[in-house]
């Protein structure tokens, strides 16, 4: 069942001096999923399209058959029976893409929503037409909003937005759209640079099966559980056997033992990219420090903590394509003799 209606919100007072570099339109998105891991699937999706100043143009919603157990039904309310007759993601991909086209994707914890969307489009052998995203958590921090935490309901309460059905994609998207608009106007009034990040579609990916697990409050159980902290399960790799030879010299070769960190989206699934780096004898660093040999990022000008630290430490930076070339000729570890 698809829904596509016009639902304009009351306009904010007109404001002069709107920043010229701001986006021309936004797609406020929410997806509900079977879980938070890299092999989980979308069970429903909603989009509120907004104009340049955050006014609602229209909205769209669809449940999605995930072709697997629906996961935390007690959260999103979409049972196996409800989803049995829902369209598959490839069947809604065009309608979804039409509402994303040419707009900045806006979401609460946008890296999660974008990661799930990018993976679904990769499975469908398609590319989502999204080039930038904006996280409303990051925007709230930039604005210095006096929030006790960064939950969606807290942001909504700050602006007096009433939530009618939490964890329903359409209502969560509505709430976020209504809360994003005043934040956008505050940012514009202050001449604030929006915390936009590049969206890199997946070109190579894999799904890793998870073990079956029973969870408290989930008597039927489902693989991997519904984790609250990360969309991707942690992996433990063996320690790198080679000493750190120091920083990467631009124009030179990577050397086994170098500490490599990754920031932002990558075309090759992050876990696959890290596996290849580890197999080549590199140390995978989870953060950037003075000991980091190299930072790999497709968006070096973004304000992520790794990028900021890399700039402060003058850490060498290369993009994903250059790194993939460097991986083809990694020098052996320096002799300790």
C-alpha atoms as a PDB file:
ATOM      1  CA  UNK A   1       0.000   0.000   0.000  1.00  0.00           C
ATOM      2  CA  UNK A   2       1.526   3.252  -1.146  1.00  0.00           C
ATOM      3  CA  UNK A   3       0.565   6.643   0.175  1.00  0.00           C
ATOM      4  CA  UNK A   4       1.330   9.910  -1.571  1.00  0.00           C
ATOM      5  CA  UNK A   5      -0.519  12.984  -0.368  1.00  0.00           C
ATOM      6  CA  UNK A   6       0.093  16.680  -0.077  1.00  0.00           C
ATOM      7  CA  UNK A   7       0.210  17.778   3.546  1.00  0.00           C
ATOM      8  CA  UNK A   8       1.564  21.325   3.855  1.00  0.00           C
ATOM      9  CA  UNK A   9       2.608  22.507   7.314  1.00  0.00           C
ATOM     10  CA  UNK A  10       1.964  26.053   8.542  1.00  0.00           C
ATOM     11  CA  UNK A  11       4.709  28.257   7.049  1.00  0.00           C
ATOM     12  CA  UNK A  12       7.268  30.023   9.214  1.00  0.00           C
ATOM     13  CA  UNK A  13       7.567  33.794   8.919  1.00  0.00           C
ATOM     14  CA  UNK A  14       9.465  34.768   5.786  1.00  0.00           C
ATOM     15  CA  UNK A  15      13.133  35.464   6.381  1.00  0.00           C
ATOM     16  CA  UNK A  16      15.454  37.698   4.417  1.00  0.00           C
ATOM     17  CA  UNK A  17      19.068  36.953   3.716  1.00  0.00           C
ATOM     18  CA  UNK A  18      18.668  33.237   3.109  1.00  0.00           C
ATOM     19  CA  UNK A  19      22.147  31.721   2.593  1.00  0.00           C
ATOM     20  CA  UNK A  20      22.817  31.363  -1.137  1.00  0.00           C
ATOM     21  CA  UNK A  21      24.724  28.098  -0.713  1.00  0.00           C
ATOM     22  CA  UNK A  22      21.931  26.197   1.047  1.00  0.00           C
ATOM     23  CA  UNK A  23      20.329  23.206  -0.752  1.00  0.00           C
ATOM     24  CA  UNK A  24      17.319  23.719  -2.994  1.00  0.00           C
ATOM     25  CA  UNK A  25      15.306  20.896  -1.452  1.00  0.00           C
ATOM     26  CA  UNK A  26      15.326  18.155   1.160  1.00  0.00           C
ATOM     27  CA  UNK A  27      14.021  14.603   1.498  1.00  0.00           C
ATOM     28  CA  UNK A  28      13.298  13.852   5.144  1.00  0.00           C
ATOM     29  CA  UNK A  29      13.544  10.092   5.455  1.00  0.00           C
ATOM     30  CA  UNK A  30      12.805   7.399   7.986  1.00  0.00           C
ATOM     31  CA  UNK A  31      13.182   3.651   7.501  1.00  0.00           C
ATOM     32  CA  UNK A  32      12.151   0.886   9.847  1.00  0.00           C
ATOM     33  CA  UNK A  33      14.244  -2.260   9.624  1.00  0.00           C
ATOM     34  CA  UNK A  34      14.552  -5.877  10.703  1.00  0.00           C
ATOM     35  CA  UNK A  35      17.486  -4.824  12.888  1.00  0.00           C
ATOM     36  CA  UNK A  36      20.601  -2.706  12.922  1.00  0.00           C
ATOM     37  CA  UNK A  37      23.181  -5.044  11.407  1.00  0.00           C
ATOM     38  CA  UNK A  38      24.702  -4.863   7.944  1.00  0.00           C
ATOM     39  CA  UNK A  39      22.601  -7.771   6.628  1.00  0.00           C
ATOM     40  CA  UNK A  40      19.290  -6.419   7.957  1.00  0.00           C
ATOM     41  CA  UNK A  41      16.511  -5.251   5.640  1.00  0.00           C
ATOM     42  CA  UNK A  42      14.071  -2.365   5.362  1.00  0.00           C
ATOM     43  CA  UNK A  43      10.462  -3.151   6.347  1.00  0.00           C
ATOM     44  CA  UNK A  44       8.988   0.310   5.731  1.00  0.00           C
ATOM     45  CA  UNK A  45      10.110   3.639   4.301  1.00  0.00           C
ATOM     46  CA  UNK A  46       8.746   7.168   4.345  1.00  0.00           C
ATOM     47  CA  UNK A  47       9.792  10.444   2.736  1.00  0.00           C
ATOM     48  CA  UNK A  48       8.639  14.012   3.351  1.00  0.00           C
ATOM     49  CA  UNK A  49       9.766  16.266   0.523  1.00  0.00           C
ATOM     50  CA  UNK A  50      10.590  19.814   1.622  1.00  0.00           C
ATOM     51  CA  UNK A  51      11.437  22.900  -0.384  1.00  0.00           C
ATOM     52  CA  UNK A  52      14.516  25.066   0.118  1.00  0.00           C
ATOM     53  CA  UNK A  53      13.102  26.660   3.284  1.00  0.00           C
ATOM     54  CA  UNK A  54      11.725  23.489   4.803  1.00  0.00           C
ATOM     55  CA  UNK A  55       8.098  23.774   3.735  1.00  0.00           C
ATOM     56  CA  UNK A  56       6.389  20.420   3.133  1.00  0.00           C
ATOM     57  CA  UNK A  57       5.624  19.662  -0.511  1.00  0.00           C
ATOM     58  CA  UNK A  58       4.300  16.120  -0.187  1.00  0.00           C
ATOM     59  CA  UNK A  59       4.922  12.795   1.502  1.00  0.00           C
ATOM     60  CA  UNK A  60       5.108   9.111   0.624  1.00  0.00           C
ATOM     61  CA  UNK A  61       5.089   5.853   2.554  1.00  0.00           C
ATOM     62  CA  UNK A  62       5.269   2.146   1.810  1.00  0.00           C
ATOM     63  CA  UNK A  63       5.746  -1.058   3.782  1.00  0.00           C
ATOM     64  CA  UNK A  64       8.393  -3.342   2.286  1.00  0.00           C
ATOM     65  CA  UNK A  65       8.528  -7.122   2.332  1.00  0.00           C
ATOM     66  CA  UNK A  66      12.032  -7.903   3.680  1.00  0.00           C
ATOM     67  CA  UNK A  67      11.929 -11.521   2.475  1.00  0.00           C
ATOM     68  CA  UNK A  68      12.950 -12.643   5.959  1.00  0.00           C
ATOM     69  CA  UNK A  69      11.863 -12.474   9.591  1.00  0.00           C
ATOM     70  CA  UNK A  70      10.618  -8.913  10.305  1.00  0.00           C
ATOM     71  CA  UNK A  71      12.740  -8.680  13.440  1.00  0.00           C
ATOM     72  CA  UNK A  72      11.652  -6.412  16.335  1.00  0.00           C
ATOM     73  CA  UNK A  73       7.885  -6.435  15.746  1.00  0.00           C
ATOM     74  CA  UNK A  74       7.425  -5.067  19.257  1.00  0.00           C
ATOM     75  CA  UNK A  75       9.132  -1.885  18.027  1.00  0.00           C
ATOM     76  CA  UNK A  76       7.888  -1.253  14.483  1.00  0.00           C
ATOM     77  CA  UNK A  77       4.641  -3.264  14.688  1.00  0.00           C
ATOM     78  CA  UNK A  78       5.015  -4.842  11.235  1.00  0.00           C
ATOM     79  CA  UNK A  79       4.368  -8.562  11.525  1.00  0.00           C
ATOM     80  CA  UNK A  80       5.218 -11.273   9.034  1.00  0.00           C
ATOM     81  CA  UNK A  81       1.511 -11.433   8.096  1.00  0.00           C
ATOM     82  CA  UNK A  82       1.276  -7.683   7.501  1.00  0.00           C
ATOM     83  CA  UNK A  83       4.399  -7.670   5.329  1.00  0.00           C
ATOM     84  CA  UNK A  84       3.506 -10.780   3.331  1.00  0.00           C
ATOM     85  CA  UNK A  85       1.522  -8.750   0.805  1.00  0.00           C
ATOM     86  CA  UNK A  86       3.828  -5.719   0.803  1.00  0.00           C
ATOM     87  CA  UNK A  87       5.950  -4.911  -2.262  1.00  0.00           C
ATOM     88  CA  UNK A  88       9.579  -6.001  -2.418  1.00  0.00           C
ATOM     89  CA  UNK A  89      12.170  -3.225  -2.304  1.00  0.00           C
ATOM     90  CA  UNK A  90      12.895  -3.384  -6.071  1.00  0.00           C
ATOM     91  CA  UNK A  91       9.181  -2.738  -6.614  1.00  0.00           C
ATOM     92  CA  UNK A  92       9.279   0.535  -4.652  1.00  0.00           C
ATOM     93  CA  UNK A  93      12.812   1.558  -5.674  1.00  0.00           C
ATOM     94  CA  UNK A  94      11.612   3.849  -8.478  1.00  0.00           C
ATOM     95  CA  UNK A  95       9.024   5.630  -6.338  1.00  0.00           C
ATOM     96  CA  UNK A  96      11.536   6.019  -3.512  1.00  0.00           C
ATOM     97  CA  UNK A  97      14.234   7.303  -5.874  1.00  0.00           C
ATOM     98  CA  UNK A  98      11.843   9.833  -7.419  1.00  0.00           C
ATOM     99  CA  UNK A  99      11.425  11.464  -4.018  1.00  0.00           C
ATOM    100  CA  UNK A 100      15.155  11.476  -3.258  1.00  0.00           C
ATOM    101  CA  UNK A 101      16.280  12.806  -6.636  1.00  0.00           C
ATOM    102  CA  UNK A 102      18.108  16.124  -6.476  1.00  0.00           C
ATOM    103  CA  UNK A 103      17.593  16.563  -2.737  1.00  0.00           C
ATOM    104  CA  UNK A 104      19.631  16.348   0.435  1.00  0.00           C
ATOM    105  CA  UNK A 105      18.644  13.308   2.476  1.00  0.00           C
ATOM    106  CA  UNK A 106      17.724  14.363   6.016  1.00  0.00           C
ATOM    107  CA  UNK A 107      17.429  11.804   8.809  1.00  0.00           C
ATOM    108  CA  UNK A 108      17.926  11.426  12.530  1.00  0.00           C
ATOM    109  CA  UNK A 109      21.205   9.481  12.768  1.00  0.00           C
ATOM    110  CA  UNK A 110      21.485   9.777   8.995  1.00  0.00           C
ATOM    111  CA  UNK A 111      24.413   7.405   8.619  1.00  0.00           C
ATOM    112  CA  UNK A 112      22.135   4.526   9.627  1.00  0.00           C
ATOM    113  CA  UNK A 113      19.260   5.395   7.278  1.00  0.00           C
ATOM    114  CA  UNK A 114      21.613   6.066   4.374  1.00  0.00           C
ATOM    115  CA  UNK A 115      23.537   2.828   4.980  1.00  0.00           C
ATOM    116  CA  UNK A 116      20.359   0.757   4.940  1.00  0.00           C
ATOM    117  CA  UNK A 117      19.048   2.561   1.833  1.00  0.00           C
ATOM    118  CA  UNK A 118      22.353   2.241  -0.033  1.00  0.00           C
ATOM    119  CA  UNK A 119      22.509  -1.476   0.740  1.00  0.00           C
ATOM    120  CA  UNK A 120      18.943  -2.081  -0.457  1.00  0.00           C
ATOM    121  CA  UNK A 121      19.646  -0.280  -3.731  1.00  0.00           C
ATOM    122  CA  UNK A 122      22.855  -2.296  -4.143  1.00  0.00           C
ATOM    123  CA  UNK A 123      20.889  -5.529  -3.686  1.00  0.00           C
ATOM    124  CA  UNK A 124      18.468  -4.320  -6.354  1.00  0.00           C
ATOM    125  CA  UNK A 125      21.428  -3.523  -8.641  1.00  0.00           C
ATOM    126  CA  UNK A 126      20.444   0.131  -8.553  1.00  0.00           C
ATOM    127  CA  UNK A 127      21.964   3.359  -7.271  1.00  0.00           C
ATOM    128  CA  UNK A 128      20.068   5.694  -4.957  1.00  0.00           C
ATOM    129  CA  UNK A 129      20.086   9.242  -6.428  1.00  0.00           C
ATOM    130  CA  UNK A 130      21.487  10.818  -3.262  1.00  0.00           C
ATOM    131  CA  UNK A 131      24.716  12.776  -3.149  1.00  0.00           C
ATOM    132  CA  UNK A 132      24.524  14.460   0.255  1.00  0.00           C
ATOM    133  CA  UNK A 133      22.946  13.806   3.616  1.00  0.00           C
ATOM    134  CA  UNK A 134      22.269  15.894   6.698  1.00  0.00           C
ATOM    135  CA  UNK A 135      21.960  14.408  10.169  1.00  0.00           C
ATOM    136  CA  UNK A 136      19.577  16.292  12.454  1.00  0.00           C
ATOM    137  CA  UNK A 137      21.613  15.146  15.460  1.00  0.00           C
ATOM    138  CA  UNK A 138      24.693  16.855  14.006  1.00  0.00           C
ATOM    139  CA  UNK A 139      22.627  19.951  13.166  1.00  0.00           C
ATOM    140  CA  UNK A 140      21.274  20.143  16.731  1.00  0.00           C
ATOM    141  CA  UNK A 141      24.827  20.024  18.058  1.00  0.00           C
ATOM    142  CA  UNK A 142      25.948  22.731  15.622  1.00  0.00           C
ATOM    143  CA  UNK A 143      23.061  24.915  16.780  1.00  0.00           C
ATOM    144  CA  UNK A 144      23.837  24.254  20.444  1.00  0.00           C
ATOM    145  CA  UNK A 145      20.222  23.340  21.207  1.00  0.00           C
ATOM    146  CA  UNK A 146      19.678  22.818  24.965  1.00  0.00           C
ATOM    147  CA  UNK A 147      18.715  19.149  24.684  1.00  0.00           C
ATOM    148  CA  UNK A 148      19.337  16.617  27.500  1.00  0.00           C
ATOM    149  CA  UNK A 149      19.916  13.937  24.830  1.00  0.00           C
ATOM    150  CA  UNK A 150      19.631  13.532  21.091  1.00  0.00           C
ATOM    151  CA  UNK A 151      16.611  11.260  20.811  1.00  0.00           C
ATOM    152  CA  UNK A 152      14.019  12.158  18.183  1.00  0.00           C
ATOM    153  CA  UNK A 153      11.321  12.553  20.821  1.00  0.00           C
ATOM    154  CA  UNK A 154      13.518  15.027  22.717  1.00  0.00           C
ATOM    155  CA  UNK A 155      14.109  17.148  19.610  1.00  0.00           C
ATOM    156  CA  UNK A 156      10.377  17.012  18.850  1.00  0.00           C
ATOM    157  CA  UNK A 157       9.465  18.101  22.383  1.00  0.00           C
ATOM    158  CA  UNK A 158      11.915  21.020  22.127  1.00  0.00           C
ATOM    159  CA  UNK A 159       9.914  22.392  19.184  1.00  0.00           C
ATOM    160  CA  UNK A 160       6.501  21.358  20.498  1.00  0.00           C
ATOM    161  CA  UNK A 161       5.965  18.697  17.837  1.00  0.00           C
ATOM    162  CA  UNK A 162       3.523  15.994  18.914  1.00  0.00           C
ATOM    163  CA  UNK A 163       4.401  12.430  17.973  1.00  0.00           C
ATOM    164  CA  UNK A 164       1.356  10.265  17.241  1.00  0.00           C
ATOM    165  CA  UNK A 165       2.894   6.861  16.472  1.00  0.00           C
ATOM    166  CA  UNK A 166       6.557   6.404  17.385  1.00  0.00           C
ATOM    167  CA  UNK A 167       8.550   3.972  15.211  1.00  0.00           C
ATOM    168  CA  UNK A 168       6.047   4.196  12.385  1.00  0.00           C
ATOM    169  CA  UNK A 169       8.141   5.419   9.448  1.00  0.00           C
ATOM    170  CA  UNK A 170       5.553   7.909   8.185  1.00  0.00           C
ATOM    171  CA  UNK A 171       4.948   9.526  11.569  1.00  0.00           C
ATOM    172  CA  UNK A 172       8.655   9.575  12.452  1.00  0.00           C
ATOM    173  CA  UNK A 173       9.361  11.298   9.119  1.00  0.00           C
ATOM    174  CA  UNK A 174       6.559  13.824   9.775  1.00  0.00           C
ATOM    175  CA  UNK A 175       7.885  14.598  13.242  1.00  0.00           C
ATOM    176  CA  UNK A 176      11.405  15.009  11.927  1.00  0.00           C
ATOM    177  CA  UNK A 177      10.247  17.251   9.070  1.00  0.00           C
ATOM    178  CA  UNK A 178       8.407  19.527  11.508  1.00  0.00           C
ATOM    179  CA  UNK A 179      11.424  19.652  13.836  1.00  0.00           C
ATOM    180  CA  UNK A 180      13.930  20.128  11.019  1.00  0.00           C
ATOM    181  CA  UNK A 181      12.221  23.217   9.610  1.00  0.00           C
ATOM    182  CA  UNK A 182      12.805  25.493  12.654  1.00  0.00           C
ATOM    183  CA  UNK A 183      16.349  24.120  12.986  1.00  0.00           C
ATOM    184  CA  UNK A 184      16.979  24.992   9.344  1.00  0.00           C
ATOM    185  CA  UNK A 185      15.695  28.537   9.890  1.00  0.00           C
ATOM    186  CA  UNK A 186      17.865  28.947  12.987  1.00  0.00           C
ATOM    187  CA  UNK A 187      20.890  27.823  11.006  1.00  0.00           C
ATOM    188  CA  UNK A 188      20.034  30.168   8.129  1.00  0.00           C
ATOM    189  CA  UNK A 189      19.510  33.099  10.482  1.00  0.00           C
ATOM    190  CA  UNK A 190      22.932  32.495  12.021  1.00  0.00           C
ATOM    191  CA  UNK A 191      24.580  31.996   8.642  1.00  0.00           C
ATOM    192  CA  UNK A 192      25.644  28.558   9.824  1.00  0.00           C
ATOM    193  CA  UNK A 193      27.259  26.141   7.420  1.00  0.00           C
ATOM    194  CA  UNK A 194      25.057  23.060   7.304  1.00  0.00           C
ATOM    195  CA  UNK A 195      26.793  19.788   8.355  1.00  0.00           C
ATOM    196  CA  UNK A 196      26.396  18.129   4.960  1.00  0.00           C
ATOM    197  CA  UNK A 197      28.184  14.853   4.258  1.00  0.00           C
ATOM    198  CA  UNK A 198      28.740  13.097   0.947  1.00  0.00           C
ATOM    199  CA  UNK A 199      26.800   9.891   0.224  1.00  0.00           C
ATOM    200  CA  UNK A 200      28.854   7.235  -1.531  1.00  0.00           C
ATOM    201  CA  UNK A 201      26.685   4.528  -3.155  1.00  0.00           C
ATOM    202  CA  UNK A 202      27.816   0.949  -2.613  1.00  0.00           C
ATOM    203  CA  UNK A 203      29.570  -0.581  -5.601  1.00  0.00           C
ATOM    204  CA  UNK A 204      30.683  -3.781  -3.877  1.00  0.00           C
ATOM    205  CA  UNK A 205      29.176  -5.366  -0.800  1.00  0.00           C
ATOM    206  CA  UNK A 206      28.417  -8.620   0.983  1.00  0.00           C
ATOM    207  CA  UNK A 207      25.988  -9.742   3.649  1.00  0.00           C
ATOM    208  CA  UNK A 208      27.367 -11.757   6.521  1.00  0.00           C
ATOM    209  CA  UNK A 209      24.887 -14.205   8.122  1.00  0.00           C
ATOM    210  CA  UNK A 210      24.459 -13.763  11.859  1.00  0.00           C
ATOM    211  CA  UNK A 211      23.910 -16.488  14.452  1.00  0.00           C
ATOM    212  CA  UNK A 212      20.427 -17.100  15.785  1.00  0.00           C
ATOM    213  CA  UNK A 213      19.896 -15.550  19.221  1.00  0.00           C
ATOM    214  CA  UNK A 214      17.037 -15.243  21.661  1.00  0.00           C
ATOM    215  CA  UNK A 215      16.568 -11.837  23.188  1.00  0.00           C
ATOM    216  CA  UNK A 216      14.895 -10.714  26.368  1.00  0.00           C
ATOM    217  CA  UNK A 217      11.381  -9.585  25.440  1.00  0.00           C
ATOM    218  CA  UNK A 218      11.682 -11.496  22.173  1.00  0.00           C
ATOM    219  CA  UNK A 219      10.445 -15.026  22.908  1.00  0.00           C
ATOM    220  CA  UNK A 220      10.597 -16.108  19.282  1.00  0.00           C
ATOM    221  CA  UNK A 221      14.161 -14.865  18.891  1.00  0.00           C
ATOM    222  CA  UNK A 222      15.821 -13.552  15.752  1.00  0.00           C
ATOM    223  CA  UNK A 223      19.407 -13.508  14.577  1.00  0.00           C
ATOM    224  CA  UNK A 224      21.788 -10.997  16.050  1.00  0.00           C
ATOM    225  CA  UNK A 225      19.398  -9.071  18.287  1.00  0.00           C
ATOM    226  CA  UNK A 226      18.298  -5.438  17.980  1.00  0.00           C
ATOM    227  CA  UNK A 227      21.328  -3.458  19.130  1.00  0.00           C
ATOM    228  CA  UNK A 228      20.912   0.161  20.134  1.00  0.00           C
ATOM    229  CA  UNK A 229      24.397   1.487  19.469  1.00  0.00           C
ATOM    230  CA  UNK A 230      25.577   0.485  16.006  1.00  0.00           C
ATOM    231  CA  UNK A 231      24.070  -0.622  12.724  1.00  0.00           C
ATOM    232  CA  UNK A 232      27.089  -2.846  12.120  1.00  0.00           C
ATOM    233  CA  UNK A 233      28.193  -5.600  14.533  1.00  0.00           C
ATOM    234  CA  UNK A 234      31.684  -5.295  15.934  1.00  0.00           C
ATOM    235  CA  UNK A 235      34.371  -7.553  14.497  1.00  0.00           C
ATOM    236  CA  UNK A 236      37.524  -8.690  16.209  1.00  0.00           C
ATOM    237  CA  UNK A 237      40.529  -9.148  13.998  1.00  0.00           C
ATOM    238  CA  UNK A 238      43.863 -10.609  15.098  1.00  0.00           C
ATOM    239  CA  UNK A 239      46.451  -8.006  16.019  1.00  0.00           C
ATOM    240  CA  UNK A 240      48.590  -6.768  13.154  1.00  0.00           C
ATOM    241  CA  UNK A 241      51.887  -8.719  13.407  1.00  0.00           C
ATOM    242  CA  UNK A 242      54.041  -5.918  11.981  1.00  0.00           C
ATOM    243  CA  UNK A 243      55.446  -2.842  13.763  1.00  0.00           C
ATOM    244  CA  UNK A 244      54.219   0.576  12.696  1.00  0.00           C
ATOM    245  CA  UNK A 245      56.784   1.983  10.232  1.00  0.00           C
ATOM    246  CA  UNK A 246      55.403   5.504  10.564  1.00  0.00           C
ATOM    247  CA  UNK A 247      53.438   7.778   8.270  1.00  0.00           C
ATOM    248  CA  UNK A 248      52.630   7.170   4.657  1.00  0.00           C
ATOM    249  CA  UNK A 249      54.712   9.364   2.375  1.00  0.00           C
ATOM    250  CA  UNK A 250      52.540  10.864  -0.395  1.00  0.00           C
ATOM    251  CA  UNK A 251      53.546   9.406  -3.728  1.00  0.00           C
ATOM    252  CA  UNK A 252      55.225   6.433  -2.077  1.00  0.00           C
ATOM    253  CA  UNK A 253      54.116   2.900  -1.191  1.00  0.00           C
ATOM    254  CA  UNK A 254      52.160   1.605   1.750  1.00  0.00           C
ATOM    255  CA  UNK A 255      54.260  -0.515   4.103  1.00  0.00           C
ATOM    256  CA  UNK A 256      53.012  -3.459   6.138  1.00  0.00           C
ATOM    257  CA  UNK A 257      52.243  -2.371   9.696  1.00  0.00           C
ATOM    258  CA  UNK A 258      51.018   1.106   8.766  1.00  0.00           C
ATOM    259  CA  UNK A 259      48.003   2.248  10.768  1.00  0.00           C
ATOM    260  CA  UNK A 260      45.121   3.077   8.414  1.00  0.00           C
ATOM    261  CA  UNK A 261      41.846   4.720   9.465  1.00  0.00           C
ATOM    262  CA  UNK A 262      38.675   5.136   7.390  1.00  0.00           C
ATOM    263  CA  UNK A 263      36.143   7.957   7.531  1.00  0.00           C
ATOM    264  CA  UNK A 264      32.802   8.415   5.786  1.00  0.00           C
ATOM    265  CA  UNK A 265      31.088   6.371   3.095  1.00  0.00           C
ATOM    266  CA  UNK A 266      32.994   4.121   0.738  1.00  0.00           C
ATOM    267  CA  UNK A 267      31.903   2.559  -2.535  1.00  0.00           C
ATOM    268  CA  UNK A 268      33.299  -0.797  -1.465  1.00  0.00           C
ATOM    269  CA  UNK A 269      31.572  -1.984   1.690  1.00  0.00           C
ATOM    270  CA  UNK A 270      33.640  -0.747   4.646  1.00  0.00           C
ATOM    271  CA  UNK A 271      34.089  -4.205   6.094  1.00  0.00           C
ATOM    272  CA  UNK A 272      35.346  -5.595   2.772  1.00  0.00           C
ATOM    273  CA  UNK A 273      37.733  -2.651   2.423  1.00  0.00           C
ATOM    274  CA  UNK A 274      39.076  -3.192   5.930  1.00  0.00           C
ATOM    275  CA  UNK A 275      39.483  -6.918   5.259  1.00  0.00           C
ATOM    276  CA  UNK A 276      41.577  -6.202   2.170  1.00  0.00           C
ATOM    277  CA  UNK A 277      43.733  -3.741   4.070  1.00  0.00           C
ATOM    278  CA  UNK A 278      44.246  -6.228   6.898  1.00  0.00           C
ATOM    279  CA  UNK A 279      45.093  -9.041   4.468  1.00  0.00           C
ATOM    280  CA  UNK A 280      47.731  -6.765   2.934  1.00  0.00           C
ATOM    281  CA  UNK A 281      49.389  -6.451   6.349  1.00  0.00           C
ATOM    282  CA  UNK A 282      48.011  -3.084   7.451  1.00  0.00           C
ATOM    283  CA  UNK A 283      46.736  -2.196  10.914  1.00  0.00           C
ATOM    284  CA  UNK A 284      43.077  -1.076  10.965  1.00  0.00           C
ATOM    285  CA  UNK A 285      42.786   1.918  13.276  1.00  0.00           C
ATOM    286  CA  UNK A 286      39.389   2.780  14.733  1.00  0.00           C
ATOM    287  CA  UNK A 287      40.409   6.370  15.457  1.00  0.00           C
ATOM    288  CA  UNK A 288      42.973   8.936  14.332  1.00  0.00           C
ATOM    289  CA  UNK A 289      45.973   9.785  16.508  1.00  0.00           C
ATOM    290  CA  UNK A 290      49.530  11.009  16.019  1.00  0.00           C
ATOM    291  CA  UNK A 291      50.459   7.390  15.288  1.00  0.00           C
ATOM    292  CA  UNK A 292      48.016   7.056  12.378  1.00  0.00           C
ATOM    293  CA  UNK A 293      49.857   6.512   9.097  1.00  0.00           C
ATOM    294  CA  UNK A 294      47.012   7.362   6.717  1.00  0.00           C
ATOM    295  CA  UNK A 295      43.359   8.403   6.641  1.00  0.00           C
ATOM    296  CA  UNK A 296      41.167   7.138   3.791  1.00  0.00           C
ATOM    297  CA  UNK A 297      38.120   9.296   3.058  1.00  0.00           C
ATOM    298  CA  UNK A 298      36.077  10.382   0.048  1.00  0.00           C
ATOM    299  CA  UNK A 299      35.006  13.563   1.835  1.00  0.00           C
ATOM    300  CA  UNK A 300      38.136  15.154   3.363  1.00  0.00           C
ATOM    301  CA  UNK A 301      36.493  18.526   3.989  1.00  0.00           C
ATOM    302  CA  UNK A 302      33.707  17.160   6.181  1.00  0.00           C
ATOM    303  CA  UNK A 303      33.653  17.808   9.902  1.00  0.00           C
ATOM    304  CA  UNK A 304      33.862  14.216  11.133  1.00  0.00           C
ATOM    305  CA  UNK A 305      36.031  13.709  14.213  1.00  0.00           C
ATOM    306  CA  UNK A 306      38.536  11.633  12.221  1.00  0.00           C
ATOM    307  CA  UNK A 307      38.875  14.328   9.562  1.00  0.00           C
ATOM    308  CA  UNK A 308      39.286  17.057  12.166  1.00  0.00           C
ATOM    309  CA  UNK A 309      41.976  15.076  13.998  1.00  0.00           C
ATOM    310  CA  UNK A 310      43.740  14.224  10.730  1.00  0.00           C
ATOM    311  CA  UNK A 311      43.945  17.918   9.890  1.00  0.00           C
ATOM    312  CA  UNK A 312      45.242  18.784  13.365  1.00  0.00           C
ATOM    313  CA  UNK A 313      47.918  16.068  13.200  1.00  0.00           C
ATOM    314  CA  UNK A 314      48.750  16.693   9.507  1.00  0.00           C
ATOM    315  CA  UNK A 315      47.941  13.043   8.843  1.00  0.00           C
ATOM    316  CA  UNK A 316      48.243  12.112   5.143  1.00  0.00           C
ATOM    317  CA  UNK A 317      44.834  11.672   3.459  1.00  0.00           C
ATOM    318  CA  UNK A 318      43.885   9.779   0.282  1.00  0.00           C
ATOM    319  CA  UNK A 319      40.539   8.905  -1.267  1.00  0.00           C
ATOM    320  CA  UNK A 320      39.188   5.396  -1.728  1.00  0.00           C
ATOM    321  CA  UNK A 321      40.251   5.048  -5.368  1.00  0.00           C
ATOM    322  CA  UNK A 322      43.844   6.009  -4.573  1.00  0.00           C
ATOM    323  CA  UNK A 323      43.892   3.656  -1.604  1.00  0.00           C
ATOM    324  CA  UNK A 324      42.686   0.743  -3.731  1.00  0.00           C
ATOM    325  CA  UNK A 325      45.592   1.413  -6.107  1.00  0.00           C
ATOM    326  CA  UNK A 326      48.050   1.547  -3.196  1.00  0.00           C
ATOM    327  CA  UNK A 327      46.778  -1.803  -1.894  1.00  0.00           C
ATOM    328  CA  UNK A 328      47.994  -3.468  -5.081  1.00  0.00           C
ATOM    329  CA  UNK A 329      51.632  -2.852  -4.157  1.00  0.00           C
ATOM    330  CA  UNK A 330      52.176  -2.861  -0.393  1.00  0.00           C
ATOM    331  CA  UNK A 331      55.847  -3.013   0.624  1.00  0.00           C
ATOM    332  CA  UNK A 332      56.901  -5.754   3.064  1.00  0.00           C
ATOM    333  CA  UNK A 333      57.409  -4.850   6.700  1.00  0.00           C
ATOM    334  CA  UNK A 334      60.661  -3.143   7.548  1.00  0.00           C
ATOM    335  CA  UNK A 335      63.314  -5.475   8.904  1.00  0.00           C
ATOM    336  CA  UNK A 336      64.030  -5.141  12.620  1.00  0.00           C
ATOM    337  CA  UNK A 337      67.668  -6.158  12.061  1.00  0.00           C
END
